[in-house]
C-alpha atoms as a PDB file:
ATOM      1  CA  UNK A   1      54.508  82.269  -6.073  1.00  0.00           C
ATOM      2  CA  UNK A   2      58.011  81.275  -5.796  1.00  0.00           C
ATOM      3  CA  UNK A   3      56.832  78.198  -3.731  1.00  0.00           C
ATOM      4  CA  UNK A   4      54.527  77.679  -6.229  1.00  0.00           C
ATOM      5  CA  UNK A   5      56.799  77.355  -9.113  1.00  0.00           C
ATOM      6  CA  UNK A   6      58.961  75.286  -6.928  1.00  0.00           C
ATOM      7  CA  UNK A   7      56.276  72.797  -6.209  1.00  0.00           C
ATOM      8  CA  UNK A   8      55.338  72.683  -9.826  1.00  0.00           C
ATOM      9  CA  UNK A   9      59.157  71.931 -11.035  1.00  0.00           C
ATOM     10  CA  UNK A  10      59.640  69.242  -8.569  1.00  0.00           C
ATOM     11  CA  UNK A  11      56.295  67.480  -9.465  1.00  0.00           C
ATOM     12  CA  UNK A  12      57.519  67.899 -13.035  1.00  0.00           C
ATOM     13  CA  UNK A  13      61.015  66.613 -12.170  1.00  0.00           C
ATOM     14  CA  UNK A  14      59.675  63.507 -10.141  1.00  0.00           C
ATOM     15  CA  UNK A  15      57.504  62.631 -13.173  1.00  0.00           C
ATOM     16  CA  UNK A  16      54.145  63.301 -11.259  1.00  0.00           C
ATOM     17  CA  UNK A  17      51.282  64.547 -13.345  1.00  0.00           C
ATOM     18  CA  UNK A  18      50.736  68.180 -12.974  1.00  0.00           C
ATOM     19  CA  UNK A  19      47.763  68.025 -15.518  1.00  0.00           C
ATOM     20  CA  UNK A  20      44.426  69.464 -14.365  1.00  0.00           C
ATOM     21  CA  UNK A  21      41.078  69.383 -15.904  1.00  0.00           C
ATOM     22  CA  UNK A  22      39.775  72.843 -16.756  1.00  0.00           C
ATOM     23  CA  UNK A  23      36.362  73.342 -18.141  1.00  0.00           C
ATOM     24  CA  UNK A  24      36.025  76.615 -20.559  1.00  0.00           C
ATOM     25  CA  UNK A  25      32.522  77.440 -21.403  1.00  0.00           C
ATOM     26  CA  UNK A  26      30.305  80.288 -22.920  1.00  0.00           C
ATOM     27  CA  UNK A  27      26.630  81.138 -22.994  1.00  0.00           C
ATOM     28  CA  UNK A  28      25.650  82.334 -26.549  1.00  0.00           C
ATOM     29  CA  UNK A  29      22.322  83.402 -25.666  1.00  0.00           C
ATOM     30  CA  UNK A  30      21.442  86.433 -28.020  1.00  0.00           C
ATOM     31  CA  UNK A  31      24.346  85.714 -30.467  1.00  0.00           C
ATOM     32  CA  UNK A  32      23.816  85.077 -33.986  1.00  0.00           C
ATOM     33  CA  UNK A  33      26.028  81.753 -34.462  1.00  0.00           C
ATOM     34  CA  UNK A  34      28.570  81.808 -37.126  1.00  0.00           C
ATOM     35  CA  UNK A  35      28.272  78.728 -39.508  1.00  0.00           C
ATOM     36  CA  UNK A  36      31.913  77.826 -38.705  1.00  0.00           C
ATOM     37  CA  UNK A  37      31.231  77.089 -35.112  1.00  0.00           C
ATOM     38  CA  UNK A  38      32.343  78.475 -31.748  1.00  0.00           C
ATOM     39  CA  UNK A  39      35.951  78.373 -30.776  1.00  0.00           C
ATOM     40  CA  UNK A  40      38.281  79.560 -28.105  1.00  0.00           C
ATOM     41  CA  UNK A  41      41.794  80.426 -28.139  1.00  0.00           C
ATOM     42  CA  UNK A  42      44.412  81.446 -25.722  1.00  0.00           C
ATOM     43  CA  UNK A  43      48.069  80.737 -24.212  1.00  0.00           C
ATOM     44  CA  UNK A  44      46.829  77.239 -23.270  1.00  0.00           C
ATOM     45  CA  UNK A  45      46.489  75.617 -26.482  1.00  0.00           C
ATOM     46  CA  UNK A  46      49.736  74.331 -26.898  1.00  0.00           C
ATOM     47  CA  UNK A  47      49.860  72.803 -23.596  1.00  0.00           C
ATOM     48  CA  UNK A  48      46.694  71.390 -24.189  1.00  0.00           C
ATOM     49  CA  UNK A  49      47.961  69.661 -27.204  1.00  0.00           C
ATOM     50  CA  UNK A  50      46.306  71.662 -30.267  1.00  0.00           C
ATOM     51  CA  UNK A  51      47.989  71.866 -33.321  1.00  0.00           C
ATOM     52  CA  UNK A  52      49.460  75.117 -34.622  1.00  0.00           C
ATOM     53  CA  UNK A  53      50.284  76.943 -31.224  1.00  0.00           C
ATOM     54  CA  UNK A  54      48.560  79.310 -28.682  1.00  0.00           C
ATOM     55  CA  UNK A  55      46.432  82.046 -29.874  1.00  0.00           C
ATOM     56  CA  UNK A  56      44.975  80.350 -32.883  1.00  0.00           C
ATOM     57  CA  UNK A  57      41.353  81.301 -33.598  1.00  0.00           C
ATOM     58  CA  UNK A  58      40.176  78.282 -35.517  1.00  0.00           C
ATOM     59  CA  UNK A  59      41.965  75.280 -34.045  1.00  0.00           C
ATOM     60  CA  UNK A  60      39.842  74.612 -30.868  1.00  0.00           C
ATOM     61  CA  UNK A  61      36.164  74.185 -31.473  1.00  0.00           C
ATOM     62  CA  UNK A  62      33.730  74.477 -28.440  1.00  0.00           C
ATOM     63  CA  UNK A  63      30.967  71.766 -28.423  1.00  0.00           C
ATOM     64  CA  UNK A  64      27.333  72.548 -27.888  1.00  0.00           C
ATOM     65  CA  UNK A  65      25.819  71.127 -24.722  1.00  0.00           C
ATOM     66  CA  UNK A  66      22.735  69.027 -24.890  1.00  0.00           C
ATOM     67  CA  UNK A  67      21.017  70.276 -21.725  1.00  0.00           C
ATOM     68  CA  UNK A  68      21.305  73.982 -22.741  1.00  0.00           C
ATOM     69  CA  UNK A  69      21.667  74.604 -26.332  1.00  0.00           C
ATOM     70  CA  UNK A  70      22.877  78.228 -25.881  1.00  0.00           C
ATOM     71  CA  UNK A  71      25.989  76.873 -23.894  1.00  0.00           C
ATOM     72  CA  UNK A  72      29.257  75.585 -25.808  1.00  0.00           C
ATOM     73  CA  UNK A  73      32.130  74.197 -24.007  1.00  0.00           C
ATOM     74  CA  UNK A  74      35.507  72.250 -23.942  1.00  0.00           C
ATOM     75  CA  UNK A  75      37.368  70.300 -21.152  1.00  0.00           C
ATOM     76  CA  UNK A  76      41.036  70.355 -21.598  1.00  0.00           C
ATOM     77  CA  UNK A  77      44.055  68.980 -19.498  1.00  0.00           C
ATOM     78  CA  UNK A  78      46.515  71.754 -18.615  1.00  0.00           C
ATOM     79  CA  UNK A  79      49.164  72.314 -15.973  1.00  0.00           C
ATOM     80  CA  UNK A  80      47.846  73.711 -12.582  1.00  0.00           C
ATOM     81  CA  UNK A  81      49.412  76.526 -10.536  1.00  0.00           C
ATOM     82  CA  UNK A  82      49.065  78.696 -13.804  1.00  0.00           C
ATOM     83  CA  UNK A  83      47.699  81.839 -14.844  1.00  0.00           C
ATOM     84  CA  UNK A  84      46.154  81.325 -18.369  1.00  0.00           C
ATOM     85  CA  UNK A  85      44.451  83.985 -20.927  1.00  0.00           C
ATOM     86  CA  UNK A  86      41.831  83.307 -23.579  1.00  0.00           C
ATOM     87  CA  UNK A  87      39.231  84.654 -25.598  1.00  0.00           C
ATOM     88  CA  UNK A  88      35.976  82.990 -27.252  1.00  0.00           C
ATOM     89  CA  UNK A  89      35.430  83.460 -30.904  1.00  0.00           C
ATOM     90  CA  UNK A  90      31.859  83.428 -32.713  1.00  0.00           C
ATOM     91  CA  UNK A  91      33.455  81.973 -35.914  1.00  0.00           C
ATOM     92  CA  UNK A  92      37.245  80.936 -36.627  1.00  0.00           C
ATOM     93  CA  UNK A  93      38.755  84.531 -37.029  1.00  0.00           C
ATOM     94  CA  UNK A  94      40.063  86.940 -34.493  1.00  0.00           C
ATOM     95  CA  UNK A  95      37.906  89.728 -35.706  1.00  0.00           C
ATOM     96  CA  UNK A  96      34.959  87.538 -34.586  1.00  0.00           C
ATOM     97  CA  UNK A  97      36.325  87.285 -31.004  1.00  0.00           C
ATOM     98  CA  UNK A  98      34.186  88.824 -28.155  1.00  0.00           C
ATOM     99  CA  UNK A  99      34.632  92.008 -26.830  1.00  0.00           C
ATOM    100  CA  UNK A 100      35.794  91.641 -23.101  1.00  0.00           C
ATOM    101  CA  UNK A 101      34.266  93.932 -20.607  1.00  0.00           C
ATOM    102  CA  UNK A 102      36.599  95.880 -18.580  1.00  0.00           C
ATOM    103  CA  UNK A 103      35.944  94.208 -15.140  1.00  0.00           C
ATOM    104  CA  UNK A 104      36.898  90.687 -16.633  1.00  0.00           C
ATOM    105  CA  UNK A 105      40.189  91.798 -18.111  1.00  0.00           C
ATOM    106  CA  UNK A 106      43.635  91.178 -17.200  1.00  0.00           C
ATOM    107  CA  UNK A 107      43.816  94.954 -17.452  1.00  0.00           C
ATOM    108  CA  UNK A 108      47.484  95.756 -16.724  1.00  0.00           C
ATOM    109  CA  UNK A 109      49.202  97.078 -19.504  1.00  0.00           C
ATOM    110  CA  UNK A 110      45.967  97.668 -21.568  1.00  0.00           C
ATOM    111  CA  UNK A 111      45.433  93.752 -21.952  1.00  0.00           C
ATOM    112  CA  UNK A 112      42.242  93.110 -22.751  1.00  0.00           C
ATOM    113  CA  UNK A 113      42.034  89.163 -22.555  1.00  0.00           C
ATOM    114  CA  UNK A 114      39.820  87.362 -20.227  1.00  0.00           C
ATOM    115  CA  UNK A 115      42.109  85.222 -17.552  1.00  0.00           C
ATOM    116  CA  UNK A 116      41.985  82.123 -15.055  1.00  0.00           C
ATOM    117  CA  UNK A 117      44.199  81.312 -12.335  1.00  0.00           C
ATOM    118  CA  UNK A 118      44.307  77.339 -11.823  1.00  0.00           C
ATOM    119  CA  UNK A 119      45.092  76.917  -8.169  1.00  0.00           C
ATOM    120  CA  UNK A 120      44.343  73.312  -7.541  1.00  0.00           C
ATOM    121  CA  UNK A 121      45.707  69.874  -8.588  1.00  0.00           C
ATOM    122  CA  UNK A 122      42.857  68.084  -6.675  1.00  0.00           C
ATOM    123  CA  UNK A 123      41.172  65.387  -8.604  1.00  0.00           C
ATOM    124  CA  UNK A 124      38.353  67.517 -10.013  1.00  0.00           C
ATOM    125  CA  UNK A 125      37.497  70.002 -12.919  1.00  0.00           C
ATOM    126  CA  UNK A 126      38.020  73.744 -12.475  1.00  0.00           C
ATOM    127  CA  UNK A 127      35.081  75.263 -13.829  1.00  0.00           C
ATOM    128  CA  UNK A 128      33.877  79.078 -13.391  1.00  0.00           C
ATOM    129  CA  UNK A 129      30.523  78.674 -15.264  1.00  0.00           C
ATOM    130  CA  UNK A 130      29.451  79.398 -18.792  1.00  0.00           C
ATOM    131  CA  UNK A 131      30.473  83.062 -19.074  1.00  0.00           C
ATOM    132  CA  UNK A 132      28.001  85.329 -21.361  1.00  0.00           C
ATOM    133  CA  UNK A 133      29.753  85.889 -24.736  1.00  0.00           C
ATOM    134  CA  UNK A 134      31.050  89.598 -24.267  1.00  0.00           C
ATOM    135  CA  UNK A 135      29.612  89.639 -20.750  1.00  0.00           C
ATOM    136  CA  UNK A 136      31.203  89.657 -17.271  1.00  0.00           C
ATOM    137  CA  UNK A 137      29.306  86.504 -15.583  1.00  0.00           C
ATOM    138  CA  UNK A 138      27.272  83.645 -16.348  1.00  0.00           C
ATOM    139  CA  UNK A 139      23.538  84.441 -16.624  1.00  0.00           C
ATOM    140  CA  UNK A 140      22.006  85.451 -13.278  1.00  0.00           C
ATOM    141  CA  UNK A 141      25.317  86.011 -11.663  1.00  0.00           C
ATOM    142  CA  UNK A 142      27.527  89.026 -10.858  1.00  0.00           C
ATOM    143  CA  UNK A 143      31.141  89.545 -11.051  1.00  0.00           C
ATOM    144  CA  UNK A 144      33.260  90.130  -7.891  1.00  0.00           C
ATOM    145  CA  UNK A 145      36.805  91.187  -8.274  1.00  0.00           C
ATOM    146  CA  UNK A 146      38.903  91.095  -4.992  1.00  0.00           C
ATOM    147  CA  UNK A 147      42.080  92.781  -4.753  1.00  0.00           C
ATOM    148  CA  UNK A 148      44.501  92.832  -1.722  1.00  0.00           C
ATOM    149  CA  UNK A 149      48.019  94.614  -1.481  1.00  0.00           C
ATOM    150  CA  UNK A 150      50.406  92.808   0.619  1.00  0.00           C
ATOM    151  CA  UNK A 151      53.332  95.153   0.551  1.00  0.00           C
ATOM    152  CA  UNK A 152      53.132  96.049   4.143  1.00  0.00           C
ATOM    153  CA  UNK A 153      53.579  92.328   5.280  1.00  0.00           C
ATOM    154  CA  UNK A 154      56.690  91.066   6.507  1.00  0.00           C
ATOM    155  CA  UNK A 155      56.375  88.152   4.090  1.00  0.00           C
ATOM    156  CA  UNK A 156      54.030  86.464   2.051  1.00  0.00           C
ATOM    157  CA  UNK A 157      53.032  83.121   2.850  1.00  0.00           C
ATOM    158  CA  UNK A 158      54.764  80.133   0.890  1.00  0.00           C
ATOM    159  CA  UNK A 159      51.124  78.771   0.832  1.00  0.00           C
ATOM    160  CA  UNK A 160      49.939  82.103  -1.037  1.00  0.00           C
ATOM    161  CA  UNK A 161      47.382  84.681  -0.557  1.00  0.00           C
ATOM    162  CA  UNK A 162      43.935  83.524  -0.129  1.00  0.00           C
ATOM    163  CA  UNK A 163      40.285  84.999   0.281  1.00  0.00           C
ATOM    164  CA  UNK A 164      37.473  83.398   2.210  1.00  0.00           C
ATOM    165  CA  UNK A 165      33.842  84.272   2.672  1.00  0.00           C
ATOM    166  CA  UNK A 166      30.208  83.268   2.668  1.00  0.00           C
ATOM    167  CA  UNK A 167      30.282  83.630  -1.331  1.00  0.00           C
ATOM    168  CA  UNK A 168      32.577  80.525  -1.095  1.00  0.00           C
ATOM    169  CA  UNK A 169      31.991  78.538   1.940  1.00  0.00           C
ATOM    170  CA  UNK A 170      34.784  80.286   4.265  1.00  0.00           C
ATOM    171  CA  UNK A 171      37.178  78.085   3.198  1.00  0.00           C
ATOM    172  CA  UNK A 172      40.856  79.787   3.534  1.00  0.00           C
ATOM    173  CA  UNK A 173      42.197  76.800   1.439  1.00  0.00           C
ATOM    174  CA  UNK A 174      39.695  77.142  -1.411  1.00  0.00           C
ATOM    175  CA  UNK A 175      40.247  80.355  -3.406  1.00  0.00           C
ATOM    176  CA  UNK A 176      44.004  81.495  -3.883  1.00  0.00           C
ATOM    177  CA  UNK A 177      44.549  84.913  -5.490  1.00  0.00           C
ATOM    178  CA  UNK A 178      46.919  85.644  -8.397  1.00  0.00           C
ATOM    179  CA  UNK A 179      49.621  88.342  -8.731  1.00  0.00           C
ATOM    180  CA  UNK A 180      49.839  90.341 -11.842  1.00  0.00           C
ATOM    181  CA  UNK A 181      52.310  92.888 -10.577  1.00  0.00           C
ATOM    182  CA  UNK A 182      54.255  93.631  -7.437  1.00  0.00           C
ATOM    183  CA  UNK A 183      52.593  93.095  -4.183  1.00  0.00           C
ATOM    184  CA  UNK A 184      48.978  93.205  -5.614  1.00  0.00           C
ATOM    185  CA  UNK A 185      46.832  89.907  -5.424  1.00  0.00           C
ATOM    186  CA  UNK A 186      43.510  89.342  -6.879  1.00  0.00           C
ATOM    187  CA  UNK A 187      41.015  86.863  -8.328  1.00  0.00           C
ATOM    188  CA  UNK A 188      37.328  86.822  -9.896  1.00  0.00           C
ATOM    189  CA  UNK A 189      34.479  85.202  -8.300  1.00  0.00           C
ATOM    190  CA  UNK A 190      30.821  85.025  -9.434  1.00  0.00           C
ATOM    191  CA  UNK A 191      27.588  84.850  -7.115  1.00  0.00           C
ATOM    192  CA  UNK A 192      24.104  86.110  -7.129  1.00  0.00           C
ATOM    193  CA  UNK A 193      23.181  89.764  -6.060  1.00  0.00           C
ATOM    194  CA  UNK A 194      23.576  90.231  -2.483  1.00  0.00           C
ATOM    195  CA  UNK A 195      25.698  91.195   0.501  1.00  0.00           C
ATOM    196  CA  UNK A 196      28.519  89.184   1.458  1.00  0.00           C
ATOM    197  CA  UNK A 197      31.515  88.986   3.819  1.00  0.00           C
ATOM    198  CA  UNK A 198      34.931  88.031   3.236  1.00  0.00           C
ATOM    199  CA  UNK A 199      38.434  88.214   4.710  1.00  0.00           C
ATOM    200  CA  UNK A 200      42.113  88.140   2.992  1.00  0.00           C
ATOM    201  CA  UNK A 201      44.322  85.353   4.293  1.00  0.00           C
ATOM    202  CA  UNK A 202      48.272  85.334   4.285  1.00  0.00           C
ATOM    203  CA  UNK A 203      48.251  81.838   3.799  1.00  0.00           C
ATOM    204  CA  UNK A 204      45.445  79.021   3.567  1.00  0.00           C
ATOM    205  CA  UNK A 205      44.172  78.277   7.163  1.00  0.00           C
ATOM    206  CA  UNK A 206      41.888  80.006   9.760  1.00  0.00           C
ATOM    207  CA  UNK A 207      45.098  81.281  11.653  1.00  0.00           C
ATOM    208  CA  UNK A 208      46.474  83.098   8.964  1.00  0.00           C
ATOM    209  CA  UNK A 209      43.338  85.750   8.550  1.00  0.00           C
ATOM    210  CA  UNK A 210      43.845  89.248   8.472  1.00  0.00           C
ATOM    211  CA  UNK A 211      42.628  91.532  11.298  1.00  0.00           C
ATOM    212  CA  UNK A 212      40.135  93.880   9.697  1.00  0.00           C
ATOM    213  CA  UNK A 213      39.956  97.188  11.615  1.00  0.00           C
ATOM    214  CA  UNK A 214      36.573  98.318  13.276  1.00  0.00           C
ATOM    215  CA  UNK A 215      36.344 101.355  10.684  1.00  0.00           C
ATOM    216  CA  UNK A 216      35.527  99.284   7.954  1.00  0.00           C
ATOM    217  CA  UNK A 217      34.517  95.916   9.580  1.00  0.00           C
ATOM    218  CA  UNK A 218      31.271  94.299   9.865  1.00  0.00           C
ATOM    219  CA  UNK A 219      31.201  91.618  12.739  1.00  0.00           C
ATOM    220  CA  UNK A 220      35.035  91.488  12.249  1.00  0.00           C
ATOM    221  CA  UNK A 221      34.900  91.041   8.485  1.00  0.00           C
ATOM    222  CA  UNK A 222      34.987  92.998   5.087  1.00  0.00           C
ATOM    223  CA  UNK A 223      31.304  93.305   3.721  1.00  0.00           C
ATOM    224  CA  UNK A 224      30.415  94.139   0.219  1.00  0.00           C
ATOM    225  CA  UNK A 225      26.869  94.659  -1.416  1.00  0.00           C
ATOM    226  CA  UNK A 226      27.119  92.761  -4.695  1.00  0.00           C
ATOM    227  CA  UNK A 227      24.157  94.663  -6.751  1.00  0.00           C
ATOM    228  CA  UNK A 228      26.361  94.988 -10.120  1.00  0.00           C
ATOM    229  CA  UNK A 229      29.553  93.742 -11.515  1.00  0.00           C
ATOM    230  CA  UNK A 230      32.286  94.820  -9.059  1.00  0.00           C
ATOM    231  CA  UNK A 231      36.011  95.129  -8.892  1.00  0.00           C
ATOM    232  CA  UNK A 232      36.910  96.165  -5.464  1.00  0.00           C
ATOM    233  CA  UNK A 233      39.511  99.094  -4.923  1.00  0.00           C
ATOM    234  CA  UNK A 234      43.011  97.849  -3.856  1.00  0.00           C
ATOM    235  CA  UNK A 235      43.019  97.511  -0.229  1.00  0.00           C
ATOM    236  CA  UNK A 236      46.053  96.822   2.126  1.00  0.00           C
ATOM    237  CA  UNK A 237      45.988  93.557   4.122  1.00  0.00           C
ATOM    238  CA  UNK A 238      44.556  94.307   7.444  1.00  0.00           C
ATOM    239  CA  UNK A 239      43.730  97.887   6.463  1.00  0.00           C
ATOM    240  CA  UNK A 240      40.843  99.902   5.452  1.00  0.00           C
ATOM    241  CA  UNK A 241      42.548 101.813   2.663  1.00  0.00           C
ATOM    242  CA  UNK A 242      45.517 101.404   0.018  1.00  0.00           C
ATOM    243  CA  UNK A 243      48.937 100.874   1.777  1.00  0.00           C
ATOM    244  CA  UNK A 244      50.845 104.102   2.498  1.00  0.00           C
ATOM    245  CA  UNK A 245      54.669 103.959   1.820  1.00  0.00           C
ATOM    246  CA  UNK A 246      56.679 106.165   3.618  1.00  0.00           C
ATOM    247  CA  UNK A 247      59.196 108.365   2.030  1.00  0.00           C
ATOM    248  CA  UNK A 248      57.653 107.730  -1.588  1.00  0.00           C
ATOM    249  CA  UNK A 249      55.839 110.637  -3.398  1.00  0.00           C
ATOM    250  CA  UNK A 250      53.946 108.564  -5.740  1.00  0.00           C
ATOM    251  CA  UNK A 251      52.934 105.066  -5.869  1.00  0.00           C
ATOM    252  CA  UNK A 252      52.448 104.295  -9.595  1.00  0.00           C
ATOM    253  CA  UNK A 253      50.681 101.239 -10.885  1.00  0.00           C
ATOM    254  CA  UNK A 254      49.322 102.826 -14.282  1.00  0.00           C
ATOM    255  CA  UNK A 255      48.118 106.383 -14.720  1.00  0.00           C
ATOM    256  CA  UNK A 256      50.586 109.197 -15.314  1.00  0.00           C
ATOM    257  CA  UNK A 257      49.358 112.032 -12.643  1.00  0.00           C
ATOM    258  CA  UNK A 258      50.099 115.419 -11.918  1.00  0.00           C
ATOM    259  CA  UNK A 259      48.950 117.244  -8.733  1.00  0.00           C
ATOM    260  CA  UNK A 260      49.534 121.029  -8.509  1.00  0.00           C
ATOM    261  CA  UNK A 261      49.709 123.625  -6.885  1.00  0.00           C
ATOM    262  CA  UNK A 262      51.243 121.891  -4.057  1.00  0.00           C
ATOM    263  CA  UNK A 263      51.178 122.590  -1.285  1.00  0.00           C
ATOM    264  CA  UNK A 264      47.611 123.878  -1.450  1.00  0.00           C
ATOM    265  CA  UNK A 265      46.060 127.078   0.027  1.00  0.00           C
ATOM    266  CA  UNK A 266      42.775 127.357  -1.787  1.00  0.00           C
ATOM    267  CA  UNK A 267      42.584 124.295  -4.305  1.00  0.00           C
ATOM    268  CA  UNK A 268      44.910 121.929  -6.280  1.00  0.00           C
ATOM    269  CA  UNK A 269      44.053 120.615 -10.019  1.00  0.00           C
ATOM    270  CA  UNK A 270      44.778 116.694 -10.322  1.00  0.00           C
ATOM    271  CA  UNK A 271      45.443 115.717 -14.015  1.00  0.00           C
ATOM    272  CA  UNK A 272      45.876 112.410 -15.454  1.00  0.00           C
ATOM    273  CA  UNK A 273      46.402 110.438 -18.840  1.00  0.00           C
ATOM    274  CA  UNK A 274      42.725 109.797 -20.040  1.00  0.00           C
ATOM    275  CA  UNK A 275      42.019 106.260 -18.849  1.00  0.00           C
ATOM    276  CA  UNK A 276      39.284 104.236 -20.335  1.00  0.00           C
ATOM    277  CA  UNK A 277      36.106 104.483 -18.197  1.00  0.00           C
ATOM    278  CA  UNK A 278      35.383 106.610 -15.194  1.00  0.00           C
ATOM    279  CA  UNK A 279      38.003 107.014 -12.484  1.00  0.00           C
ATOM    280  CA  UNK A 280      37.577 107.235  -8.594  1.00  0.00           C
ATOM    281  CA  UNK A 281      39.772 109.697  -6.447  1.00  0.00           C
ATOM    282  CA  UNK A 282      39.913 109.546  -2.921  1.00  0.00           C
ATOM    283  CA  UNK A 283      41.865 111.567  -0.206  1.00  0.00           C
ATOM    284  CA  UNK A 284      43.194 109.671   2.970  1.00  0.00           C
ATOM    285  CA  UNK A 285      44.664 111.269   5.959  1.00  0.00           C
ATOM    286  CA  UNK A 286      47.914 109.640   7.256  1.00  0.00           C
ATOM    287  CA  UNK A 287      46.171 107.110   9.339  1.00  0.00           C
ATOM    288  CA  UNK A 288      44.455 105.798   6.420  1.00  0.00           C
ATOM    289  CA  UNK A 289      41.057 107.393   6.796  1.00  0.00           C
ATOM    290  CA  UNK A 290      39.217 108.169   4.219  1.00  0.00           C
ATOM    291  CA  UNK A 291      38.183 111.881   4.303  1.00  0.00           C
ATOM    292  CA  UNK A 292      36.953 112.820   0.869  1.00  0.00           C
ATOM    293  CA  UNK A 293      36.000 110.642  -2.414  1.00  0.00           C
ATOM    294  CA  UNK A 294      34.959 111.731  -5.914  1.00  0.00           C
ATOM    295  CA  UNK A 295      33.399 109.233  -8.087  1.00  0.00           C
ATOM    296  CA  UNK A 296      32.674 108.563 -10.918  1.00  0.00           C
ATOM    297  CA  UNK A 297      35.036 111.136 -12.472  1.00  0.00           C
ATOM    298  CA  UNK A 298      34.775 110.723 -16.487  1.00  0.00           C
ATOM    299  CA  UNK A 299      37.214 113.743 -17.083  1.00  0.00           C
ATOM    300  CA  UNK A 300      41.144 113.698 -17.112  1.00  0.00           C
ATOM    301  CA  UNK A 301      41.235 116.477 -14.432  1.00  0.00           C
ATOM    302  CA  UNK A 302      39.640 117.215 -11.101  1.00  0.00           C
ATOM    303  CA  UNK A 303      39.776 120.319  -9.085  1.00  0.00           C
ATOM    304  CA  UNK A 304      39.993 119.810  -5.430  1.00  0.00           C
ATOM    305  CA  UNK A 305      38.755 122.338  -3.044  1.00  0.00           C
ATOM    306  CA  UNK A 306      40.544 123.027  -0.005  1.00  0.00           C
ATOM    307  CA  UNK A 307      37.107 123.048   2.032  1.00  0.00           C
ATOM    308  CA  UNK A 308      37.402 121.297   5.257  1.00  0.00           C
ATOM    309  CA  UNK A 309      40.684 119.950   4.882  1.00  0.00           C
ATOM    310  CA  UNK A 310      42.774 120.879   7.903  1.00  0.00           C
ATOM    311  CA  UNK A 311      46.407 121.743   7.726  1.00  0.00           C
ATOM    312  CA  UNK A 312      48.617 118.693   7.258  1.00  0.00           C
ATOM    313  CA  UNK A 313      49.663 115.720   5.057  1.00  0.00           C
ATOM    314  CA  UNK A 314      47.177 113.919   2.859  1.00  0.00           C
ATOM    315  CA  UNK A 315      47.436 111.106   0.372  1.00  0.00           C
ATOM    316  CA  UNK A 316      45.314 111.494  -2.993  1.00  0.00           C
ATOM    317  CA  UNK A 317      44.759 108.292  -4.735  1.00  0.00           C
ATOM    318  CA  UNK A 318      43.434 107.941  -8.577  1.00  0.00           C
ATOM    319  CA  UNK A 319      42.098 104.426  -9.485  1.00  0.00           C
ATOM    320  CA  UNK A 320      40.721 103.485 -12.993  1.00  0.00           C
ATOM    321  CA  UNK A 321      38.139 100.483 -13.726  1.00  0.00           C
ATOM    322  CA  UNK A 322      41.291  97.979 -14.303  1.00  0.00           C
ATOM    323  CA  UNK A 323      42.577  98.706 -10.774  1.00  0.00           C
ATOM    324  CA  UNK A 324      45.579 100.622 -11.911  1.00  0.00           C
ATOM    325  CA  UNK A 325      46.251 102.883  -9.146  1.00  0.00           C
ATOM    326  CA  UNK A 326      48.414 106.165  -8.707  1.00  0.00           C
ATOM    327  CA  UNK A 327      48.951 107.986  -5.420  1.00  0.00           C
ATOM    328  CA  UNK A 328      50.510 111.433  -4.599  1.00  0.00           C
ATOM    329  CA  UNK A 329      51.142 113.181  -1.412  1.00  0.00           C
ATOM    330  CA  UNK A 330      49.239 116.603  -0.808  1.00  0.00           C
ATOM    331  CA  UNK A 331      50.322 119.167   1.728  1.00  0.00           C
ATOM    332  CA  UNK A 332      47.521 121.500   2.939  1.00  0.00           C
ATOM    333  CA  UNK A 333      49.011 124.653   4.534  1.00  0.00           C
END
């Protein structure tokens, strides 16, 4: 991200345009339209030239399209290599704003805005499609949110972290991921239901591809059956599970967790702050092999029976729907 910022500042100082056309669109099918019209508000409004500042619900109207009258859109010129947050308003007041589903939210620090990462200066218009009002994706498509942890890599490429797959034409330079926190990079894509293969890239060329371990590979690539709106678990680059961090008892990215008794003899109790939606609890051995999985977990505590867990060290990972993860070491005697 530092190189991206450097490029942006260099272009700005050099007087070279860094503006990018971005099209925001919403599908209002099934909605009773407010007489004041459909608007959009977000942190891009000042940069796009709208009066009154950012997050103003009534200053940026969206225009009804002629081809499909359920679609409302607006095209703005805003800087590239920037993450934007926004919501659509069925009216001109914030209490009329859409409810953004969990899968589409920023998610971190309970942020419930939509987000868009503009990763290109190419002479075209960034457009993800007409998202359903209060929905996750354009009509007929599914959301796919891919997430990768780069913490075990010696360095992150100055060209950024990318993903390529058959859902975007296997172009390693096309889809750059954005990092909200630490070493976690992610992006949202949309496609029809089906099975897709993909890889992460520490850079933007074919030679920057990760080596997907055979334990989680299909023909050398990762694979996902996209049957519903899906947020993938945080996976370590070139790994099959989360990144293990030696010498750290907890890798906290959101939830407050207790695990007791530990070491375990017969069972342990995993307790955490109540998270929105269901959680997933996974247990891995030191090699990163998944040995047990609990999903969905709808309560705020889980009894982990020793069962077939042999003596040794394990990692217990709790993930919520917003991809906040917390890991604890578990010792089995």
